[in-house]
Amino acid sequence: MAKANPRAGRGAPARATAKSRKSAEVEVAAEDAPGMGIDAGLAILTCIVLVAAVILVDALMGKIDKGIFFT
Protein backbone atom coordinates (compact mmCIF):
# COMPACT_ATOMS: atom_id res chain seq x y z
CA MET A 1 0.00 0.00 0.00
CA ALA A 2 1.25 3.50 -0.77
CA LYS A 3 2.52 5.70 2.03
CA ALA A 4 0.98 9.06 2.73
CA ASN A 5 2.92 12.17 1.70
CA PRO A 6 4.93 13.25 4.78
CA ARG A 7 5.00 16.87 3.57
CA ALA A 8 1.24 17.33 3.47
CA GLY A 9 0.19 20.60 5.04
CA ARG A 10 3.55 22.31 4.55
CA GLY A 11 2.61 24.11 1.31
CA ALA A 12 1.81 27.50 2.84
CA PRO A 13 5.35 28.53 3.87
CA ALA A 14 6.72 27.69 0.43
CA ARG A 15 4.10 29.88 -1.22
CA ALA A 16 4.85 32.73 1.12
CA THR A 17 8.53 32.71 0.18
CA ALA A 18 7.65 32.56 -3.51
CA LYS A 19 5.51 35.68 -3.16
CA SER A 20 8.26 37.59 -1.41
CA ARG A 21 10.68 36.72 -4.24
CA LYS A 22 8.25 37.94 -6.88
CA SER A 23 7.95 41.37 -5.31
CA ALA A 24 11.68 42.07 -5.64
CA GLU A 25 12.48 43.26 -9.17
CA VAL A 26 15.86 42.51 -10.65
CA GLU A 27 17.32 44.44 -13.57
CA VAL A 28 19.19 42.39 -16.11
CA ALA A 29 21.43 44.34 -18.43
CA ALA A 30 21.67 42.69 -21.83
CA GLU A 31 24.98 43.41 -23.51
CA ASP A 32 25.19 43.12 -27.25
CA ALA A 33 28.46 41.57 -28.27
CA PRO A 34 30.05 43.11 -31.34
CA GLY A 35 30.26 40.99 -34.45
CA MET A 36 28.30 38.10 -35.83
CA GLY A 37 26.18 35.81 -33.67
CA ILE A 38 26.42 32.03 -33.59
CA ASP A 39 23.20 31.64 -35.61
CA ALA A 40 24.41 33.78 -38.49
CA GLY A 41 27.82 32.11 -38.42
CA LEU A 42 26.33 28.64 -38.63
CA ALA A 43 24.02 29.69 -41.48
CA ILE A 44 26.96 31.05 -43.50
CA LEU A 45 29.11 27.97 -42.78
CA THR A 46 26.26 25.65 -43.81
CA CYS A 47 25.79 27.56 -47.06
CA ILE A 48 29.50 27.35 -47.91
CA VAL A 49 29.63 23.62 -47.17
CA LEU A 50 26.53 22.92 -49.30
CA VAL A 51 27.90 24.90 -52.27
CA ALA A 52 31.25 23.09 -51.97
CA ALA A 53 29.45 19.73 -51.89
CA VAL A 54 27.45 20.53 -55.04
CA ILE A 55 30.60 21.64 -56.88
CA LEU A 56 32.52 18.54 -55.75
CA VAL A 57 29.76 16.18 -56.83
CA ASP A 58 29.48 17.96 -60.18
CA ALA A 59 33.26 17.70 -60.67
CA LEU A 60 33.08 13.97 -59.99
CA MET A 61 30.14 13.59 -62.38
CA GLY A 62 32.12 15.59 -64.97
CA LYS A 63 34.72 12.83 -65.10
CA ILE A 64 32.08 10.57 -66.63
CA ASP A 65 30.73 13.39 -68.87
CA LYS A 66 27.51 13.89 -66.92
CA GLY A 67 28.35 17.05 -64.98
CA ILE A 68 26.65 20.41 -65.39
CA PHE A 69 29.65 22.72 -64.92
CA PHE A 70 32.43 20.20 -65.47
CA THR A 71 31.84 18.30 -68.71
PDB file of N, CA and C in Angstrom:
ATOM      1  N   MET A   1       0.833  -1.169   0.000  1.00  0.00           N
ATOM      2  CA  MET A   1       0.000   0.000   0.000  1.00  0.00           C
ATOM      3  C   MET A   1       0.889   1.246   0.000  1.00  0.00           C
ATOM      4  N   ALA A   2       0.448   2.285  -0.657  1.00  0.00           N
ATOM      5  CA  ALA A   2       1.246   3.496  -0.771  1.00  0.00           C
ATOM      6  C   ALA A   2       1.247   4.279   0.532  1.00  0.00           C
ATOM      7  N   LYS A   3       2.400   4.895   0.824  1.00  0.00           N
ATOM      8  CA  LYS A   3       2.518   5.699   2.032  1.00  0.00           C
ATOM      9  C   LYS A   3       1.944   7.088   1.789  1.00  0.00           C
ATOM     10  N   ALA A   4       1.498   7.702   2.841  1.00  0.00           N
ATOM     11  CA  ALA A   4       0.980   9.056   2.732  1.00  0.00           C
ATOM     12  C   ALA A   4       2.146  10.028   2.554  1.00  0.00           C
ATOM     13  N   ASN A   5       1.894  11.151   1.931  1.00  0.00           N
ATOM     14  CA  ASN A   5       2.919  12.167   1.704  1.00  0.00           C
ATOM     15  C   ASN A   5       3.295  12.794   3.042  1.00  0.00           C
ATOM     16  N   PRO A   6       4.561  12.699   3.483  1.00  0.00           N
ATOM     17  CA  PRO A   6       4.933  13.249   4.783  1.00  0.00           C
ATOM     18  C   PRO A   6       4.964  14.785   4.787  1.00  0.00           C
ATOM     19  N   ARG A   7       4.935  15.413   3.627  1.00  0.00           N
ATOM     20  CA  ARG A   7       5.002  16.865   3.567  1.00  0.00           C
ATOM     21  C   ARG A   7       3.625  17.513   3.434  1.00  0.00           C
ATOM     22  N   ALA A   8       2.580  16.764   3.602  1.00  0.00           N
ATOM     23  CA  ALA A   8       1.237  17.329   3.469  1.00  0.00           C
ATOM     24  C   ALA A   8       1.016  18.402   4.525  1.00  0.00           C
ATOM     25  N   GLY A   9       0.476  19.516   4.109  1.00  0.00           N
ATOM     26  CA  GLY A   9       0.195  20.597   5.041  1.00  0.00           C
ATOM     27  C   GLY A   9       1.319  21.597   5.174  1.00  0.00           C
ATOM     28  N   ARG A  10       2.414  21.401   4.459  1.00  0.00           N
ATOM     29  CA  ARG A  10       3.550  22.314   4.547  1.00  0.00           C
ATOM     30  C   ARG A  10       3.629  23.230   3.325  1.00  0.00           C
ATOM     31  N   GLY A  11       2.585  23.322   2.539  1.00  0.00           N
ATOM     32  CA  GLY A  11       2.615  24.108   1.315  1.00  0.00           C
ATOM     33  C   GLY A  11       2.557  25.600   1.539  1.00  0.00           C
ATOM     34  N   ALA A  12       1.991  26.059   2.623  1.00  0.00           N
ATOM     35  CA  ALA A  12       1.811  27.495   2.838  1.00  0.00           C
ATOM     36  C   ALA A  12       3.138  28.247   2.998  1.00  0.00           C
ATOM     37  N   PRO A  13       4.103  27.771   3.757  1.00  0.00           N
ATOM     38  CA  PRO A  13       5.353  28.532   3.866  1.00  0.00           C
ATOM     39  C   PRO A  13       6.102  28.643   2.531  1.00  0.00           C
ATOM     40  N   ALA A  14       6.034  27.626   1.711  1.00  0.00           N
ATOM     41  CA  ALA A  14       6.720  27.687   0.427  1.00  0.00           C
ATOM     42  C   ALA A  14       6.081  28.741  -0.462  1.00  0.00           C
ATOM     43  N   ARG A  15       4.783  28.864  -0.419  1.00  0.00           N
ATOM     44  CA  ARG A  15       4.101  29.878  -1.223  1.00  0.00           C
ATOM     45  C   ARG A  15       4.420  31.273  -0.709  1.00  0.00           C
ATOM     46  N   ALA A  16       4.556  31.414   0.570  1.00  0.00           N
ATOM     47  CA  ALA A  16       4.845  32.728   1.122  1.00  0.00           C
ATOM     48  C   ALA A  16       6.231  33.205   0.684  1.00  0.00           C
ATOM     49  N   THR A  17       7.192  32.311   0.619  1.00  0.00           N
ATOM     50  CA  THR A  17       8.529  32.710   0.182  1.00  0.00           C
ATOM     51  C   THR A  17       8.536  33.004  -1.313  1.00  0.00           C
ATOM     52  N   ALA A  18       7.718  32.291  -2.082  1.00  0.00           N
ATOM     53  CA  ALA A  18       7.654  32.555  -3.511  1.00  0.00           C
ATOM     54  C   ALA A  18       7.067  33.938  -3.766  1.00  0.00           C
ATOM     55  N   LYS A  19       6.099  34.357  -2.978  1.00  0.00           N
ATOM     56  CA  LYS A  19       5.508  35.679  -3.158  1.00  0.00           C
ATOM     57  C   LYS A  19       6.506  36.772  -2.807  1.00  0.00           C
ATOM     58  N   SER A  20       7.302  36.561  -1.793  1.00  0.00           N
ATOM     59  CA  SER A  20       8.265  37.587  -1.413  1.00  0.00           C
ATOM     60  C   SER A  20       9.357  37.727  -2.477  1.00  0.00           C
ATOM     61  N   ARG A  21       9.687  36.647  -3.179  1.00  0.00           N
ATOM     62  CA  ARG A  21      10.681  36.721  -4.239  1.00  0.00           C
ATOM     63  C   ARG A  21      10.137  37.449  -5.460  1.00  0.00           C
ATOM     64  N   LYS A  22       8.844  37.302  -5.719  1.00  0.00           N
ATOM     65  CA  LYS A  22       8.252  37.941  -6.882  1.00  0.00           C
ATOM     66  C   LYS A  22       8.207  39.452  -6.725  1.00  0.00           C
ATOM     67  N   SER A  23       8.087  39.932  -5.506  1.00  0.00           N
ATOM     68  CA  SER A  23       7.952  41.368  -5.311  1.00  0.00           C
ATOM     69  C   SER A  23       9.268  42.104  -5.571  1.00  0.00           C
ATOM     70  N   ALA A  24      10.381  41.437  -5.404  1.00  0.00           N
ATOM     71  CA  ALA A  24      11.676  42.072  -5.640  1.00  0.00           C
ATOM     72  C   ALA A  24      11.981  42.028  -7.134  1.00  0.00           C
ATOM     73  N   GLU A  25      12.188  43.203  -7.741  1.00  0.00           N
ATOM     74  CA  GLU A  25      12.477  43.256  -9.169  1.00  0.00           C
ATOM     75  C   GLU A  25      13.992  43.321  -9.378  1.00  0.00           C
ATOM     76  N   VAL A  26      14.439  42.584 -10.357  1.00  0.00           N
ATOM     77  CA  VAL A  26      15.863  42.510 -10.645  1.00  0.00           C
ATOM     78  C   VAL A  26      16.070  43.010 -12.064  1.00  0.00           C
ATOM     79  N   GLU A  27      16.988  43.953 -12.241  1.00  0.00           N
ATOM     80  CA  GLU A  27      17.317  44.441 -13.570  1.00  0.00           C
ATOM     81  C   GLU A  27      18.414  43.588 -14.168  1.00  0.00           C
ATOM     82  N   VAL A  28      18.195  43.178 -15.394  1.00  0.00           N
ATOM     83  CA  VAL A  28      19.186  42.390 -16.106  1.00  0.00           C
ATOM     84  C   VAL A  28      19.634  43.209 -17.296  1.00  0.00           C
ATOM     85  N   ALA A  29      20.894  43.546 -17.327  1.00  0.00           N
ATOM     86  CA  ALA A  29      21.435  44.339 -18.428  1.00  0.00           C
ATOM     87  C   ALA A  29      21.899  43.395 -19.527  1.00  0.00           C
ATOM     88  N   ALA A  30      21.286  43.524 -20.693  1.00  0.00           N
ATOM     89  CA  ALA A  30      21.668  42.690 -21.830  1.00  0.00           C
ATOM     90  C   ALA A  30      22.727  43.422 -22.633  1.00  0.00           C
ATOM     91  N   GLU A  31      23.885  42.812 -22.753  1.00  0.00           N
ATOM     92  CA  GLU A  31      24.977  43.413 -23.507  1.00  0.00           C
ATOM     93  C   GLU A  31      25.032  42.780 -24.890  1.00  0.00           C
ATOM     94  N   ASP A  32      25.065  43.618 -25.889  1.00  0.00           N
ATOM     95  CA  ASP A  32      25.194  43.118 -27.251  1.00  0.00           C
ATOM     96  C   ASP A  32      26.668  43.000 -27.594  1.00  0.00           C
ATOM     97  N   ALA A  33      27.065  41.800 -27.907  1.00  0.00           N
ATOM     98  CA  ALA A  33      28.459  41.567 -28.269  1.00  0.00           C
ATOM     99  C   ALA A  33      28.679  42.043 -29.703  1.00  0.00           C
ATOM    100  N   PRO A  34      29.791  42.669 -29.978  1.00  0.00           N
ATOM    101  CA  PRO A  34      30.050  43.108 -31.344  1.00  0.00           C
ATOM    102  C   PRO A  34      30.330  41.916 -32.247  1.00  0.00           C
ATOM    103  N   GLY A  35      29.967  42.046 -33.492  1.00  0.00           N
ATOM    104  CA  GLY A  35      30.257  40.985 -34.446  1.00  0.00           C
ATOM    105  C   GLY A  35      29.055  40.105 -34.730  1.00  0.00           C
ATOM    106  N   MET A  36      29.335  39.008 -35.372  1.00  0.00           N
ATOM    107  CA  MET A  36      28.303  38.099 -35.826  1.00  0.00           C
ATOM    108  C   MET A  36      27.924  37.112 -34.720  1.00  0.00           C
ATOM    109  N   GLY A  37      26.653  36.787 -34.639  1.00  0.00           N
ATOM    110  CA  GLY A  37      26.181  35.812 -33.665  1.00  0.00           C
ATOM    111  C   GLY A  37      26.422  34.390 -34.144  1.00  0.00           C
ATOM    112  N   ILE A  38      26.184  33.449 -33.253  1.00  0.00           N
ATOM    113  CA  ILE A  38      26.417  32.033 -33.590  1.00  0.00           C
ATOM    114  C   ILE A  38      25.427  31.545 -34.643  1.00  0.00           C
ATOM    115  N   ASP A  39      24.200  32.065 -34.622  1.00  0.00           N
ATOM    116  CA  ASP A  39      23.198  31.637 -35.606  1.00  0.00           C
ATOM    117  C   ASP A  39      23.589  32.053 -37.022  1.00  0.00           C
ATOM    118  N   ALA A  40      24.007  33.296 -37.167  1.00  0.00           N
ATOM    119  CA  ALA A  40      24.408  33.780 -38.489  1.00  0.00           C
ATOM    120  C   ALA A  40      25.676  33.067 -38.962  1.00  0.00           C
ATOM    121  N   GLY A  41      26.597  32.815 -38.055  1.00  0.00           N
ATOM    122  CA  GLY A  41      27.821  32.106 -38.417  1.00  0.00           C
ATOM    123  C   GLY A  41      27.558  30.696 -38.899  1.00  0.00           C
ATOM    124  N   LEU A  42      26.669  30.000 -38.214  1.00  0.00           N
ATOM    125  CA  LEU A  42      26.335  28.635 -38.632  1.00  0.00           C
ATOM    126  C   LEU A  42      25.589  28.623 -39.959  1.00  0.00           C
ATOM    127  N   ALA A  43      24.742  29.620 -40.202  1.00  0.00           N
ATOM    128  CA  ALA A  43      24.024  29.690 -41.475  1.00  0.00           C
ATOM    129  C   ALA A  43      24.998  29.905 -42.630  1.00  0.00           C
ATOM    130  N   ILE A  44      25.975  30.789 -42.451  1.00  0.00           N
ATOM    131  CA  ILE A  44      26.958  31.046 -43.503  1.00  0.00           C
ATOM    132  C   ILE A  44      27.839  29.823 -43.728  1.00  0.00           C
ATOM    133  N   LEU A  45      28.286  29.177 -42.654  1.00  0.00           N
ATOM    134  CA  LEU A  45      29.110  27.975 -42.781  1.00  0.00           C
ATOM    135  C   LEU A  45      28.354  26.851 -43.486  1.00  0.00           C
ATOM    136  N   THR A  46      27.081  26.678 -43.166  1.00  0.00           N
ATOM    137  CA  THR A  46      26.264  25.645 -43.812  1.00  0.00           C
ATOM    138  C   THR A  46      26.122  25.924 -45.295  1.00  0.00           C
ATOM    139  N   CYS A  47      25.913  27.180 -45.654  1.00  0.00           N
ATOM    140  CA  CYS A  47      25.786  27.558 -47.062  1.00  0.00           C
ATOM    141  C   CYS A  47      27.072  27.260 -47.822  1.00  0.00           C
ATOM    142  N   ILE A  48      28.206  27.596 -47.244  1.00  0.00           N
ATOM    143  CA  ILE A  48      29.498  27.352 -47.906  1.00  0.00           C
ATOM    144  C   ILE A  48      29.739  25.856 -48.085  1.00  0.00           C
ATOM    145  N   VAL A  49      29.420  25.070 -47.073  1.00  0.00           N
ATOM    146  CA  VAL A  49      29.629  23.615 -47.166  1.00  0.00           C
ATOM    147  C   VAL A  49      28.705  23.004 -48.214  1.00  0.00           C
ATOM    148  N   LEU A  50      27.456  23.470 -48.299  1.00  0.00           N
ATOM    149  CA  LEU A  50      26.533  22.923 -49.299  1.00  0.00           C
ATOM    150  C   LEU A  50      26.975  23.280 -50.722  1.00  0.00           C
ATOM    151  N   VAL A  51      27.427  24.508 -50.941  1.00  0.00           N
ATOM    152  CA  VAL A  51      27.902  24.903 -52.268  1.00  0.00           C
ATOM    153  C   VAL A  51      29.140  24.091 -52.640  1.00  0.00           C
ATOM    154  N   ALA A  52      30.051  23.889 -51.702  1.00  0.00           N
ATOM    155  CA  ALA A  52      31.249  23.089 -51.973  1.00  0.00           C
ATOM    156  C   ALA A  52      30.878  21.644 -52.303  1.00  0.00           C
ATOM    157  N   ALA A  53      29.869  21.110 -51.622  1.00  0.00           N
ATOM    158  CA  ALA A  53      29.453  19.731 -51.888  1.00  0.00           C
ATOM    159  C   ALA A  53      28.854  19.604 -53.287  1.00  0.00           C
ATOM    160  N   VAL A  54      28.046  20.580 -53.701  1.00  0.00           N
ATOM    161  CA  VAL A  54      27.450  20.532 -55.036  1.00  0.00           C
ATOM    162  C   VAL A  54      28.544  20.622 -56.099  1.00  0.00           C
ATOM    163  N   ILE A  55      29.514  21.502 -55.913  1.00  0.00           N
ATOM    164  CA  ILE A  55      30.603  21.638 -56.882  1.00  0.00           C
ATOM    165  C   ILE A  55      31.453  20.373 -56.932  1.00  0.00           C
ATOM    166  N   LEU A  56      31.732  19.772 -55.778  1.00  0.00           N
ATOM    167  CA  LEU A  56      32.522  18.540 -55.746  1.00  0.00           C
ATOM    168  C   LEU A  56      31.798  17.391 -56.437  1.00  0.00           C
ATOM    169  N   VAL A  57      30.518  17.246 -56.184  1.00  0.00           N
ATOM    170  CA  VAL A  57      29.757  16.176 -56.829  1.00  0.00           C
ATOM    171  C   VAL A  57      29.696  16.410 -58.337  1.00  0.00           C
ATOM    172  N   ASP A  58      29.526  17.677 -58.755  1.00  0.00           N
ATOM    173  CA  ASP A  58      29.482  17.964 -60.180  1.00  0.00           C
ATOM    174  C   ASP A  58      30.839  17.689 -60.834  1.00  0.00           C
ATOM    175  N   ALA A  59      31.924  17.985 -60.125  1.00  0.00           N
ATOM    176  CA  ALA A  59      33.257  17.696 -60.668  1.00  0.00           C
ATOM    177  C   ALA A  59      33.449  16.191 -60.826  1.00  0.00           C
ATOM    178  N   LEU A  60      32.968  15.435 -59.870  1.00  0.00           N
ATOM    179  CA  LEU A  60      33.084  13.973 -59.991  1.00  0.00           C
ATOM    180  C   LEU A  60      32.194  13.433 -61.102  1.00  0.00           C
ATOM    181  N   MET A  61      31.023  14.018 -61.274  1.00  0.00           N
ATOM    182  CA  MET A  61      30.139  13.594 -62.378  1.00  0.00           C
ATOM    183  C   MET A  61      30.718  14.029 -63.728  1.00  0.00           C
ATOM    184  N   GLY A  62      31.497  15.121 -63.725  1.00  0.00           N
ATOM    185  CA  GLY A  62      32.120  15.586 -64.967  1.00  0.00           C
ATOM    186  C   GLY A  62      33.157  14.621 -65.507  1.00  0.00           C
ATOM    187  N   LYS A  63      33.736  13.823 -64.648  1.00  0.00           N
ATOM    188  CA  LYS A  63      34.719  12.835 -65.100  1.00  0.00           C
ATOM    189  C   LYS A  63      34.078  11.756 -65.967  1.00  0.00           C
ATOM    190  N   ILE A  64      32.784  11.546 -65.789  1.00  0.00           N
ATOM    191  CA  ILE A  64      32.079  10.569 -66.625  1.00  0.00           C
ATOM    192  C   ILE A  64      31.149  11.281 -67.620  1.00  0.00           C
ATOM    193  N   ASP A  65      31.443  12.566 -67.890  1.00  0.00           N
ATOM    194  CA  ASP A  65      30.726  13.394 -68.868  1.00  0.00           C
ATOM    195  C   ASP A  65      29.238  13.551 -68.547  1.00  0.00           C
ATOM    196  N   LYS A  66      28.912  13.673 -67.297  1.00  0.00           N
ATOM    197  CA  LYS A  66      27.513  13.894 -66.924  1.00  0.00           C
ATOM    198  C   LYS A  66      27.364  15.097 -65.990  1.00  0.00           C
ATOM    199  N   GLY A  67      28.402  15.890 -65.855  1.00  0.00           N
ATOM    200  CA  GLY A  67      28.354  17.053 -64.982  1.00  0.00           C
ATOM    201  C   GLY A  67      27.671  18.238 -65.647  1.00  0.00           C
ATOM    202  N   ILE A  68      27.266  19.217 -64.864  1.00  0.00           N
ATOM    203  CA  ILE A  68      26.649  20.410 -65.392  1.00  0.00           C
ATOM    204  C   ILE A  68      27.739  21.448 -65.697  1.00  0.00           C
ATOM    205  N   PHE A  69      28.586  21.728 -64.741  1.00  0.00           N
ATOM    206  CA  PHE A  69      29.649  22.718 -64.916  1.00  0.00           C
ATOM    207  C   PHE A  69      30.918  22.091 -65.493  1.00  0.00           C
ATOM    208  N   PHE A  70      31.213  20.888 -65.043  1.00  0.00           N
ATOM    209  CA  PHE A  70      32.426  20.200 -65.470  1.00  0.00           C
ATOM    210  C   PHE A  70      32.023  19.091 -66.450  1.00  0.00           C
ATOM    211  N   THR A  71      32.188  19.347 -67.736  1.00  0.00           N
ATOM    212  CA  THR A  71      31.839  18.304 -68.712  1.00  0.00           C
ATOM    213  C   THR A  71      33.040  17.930 -69.544  1.00  0.00           C
TER     214      THR A  71
END
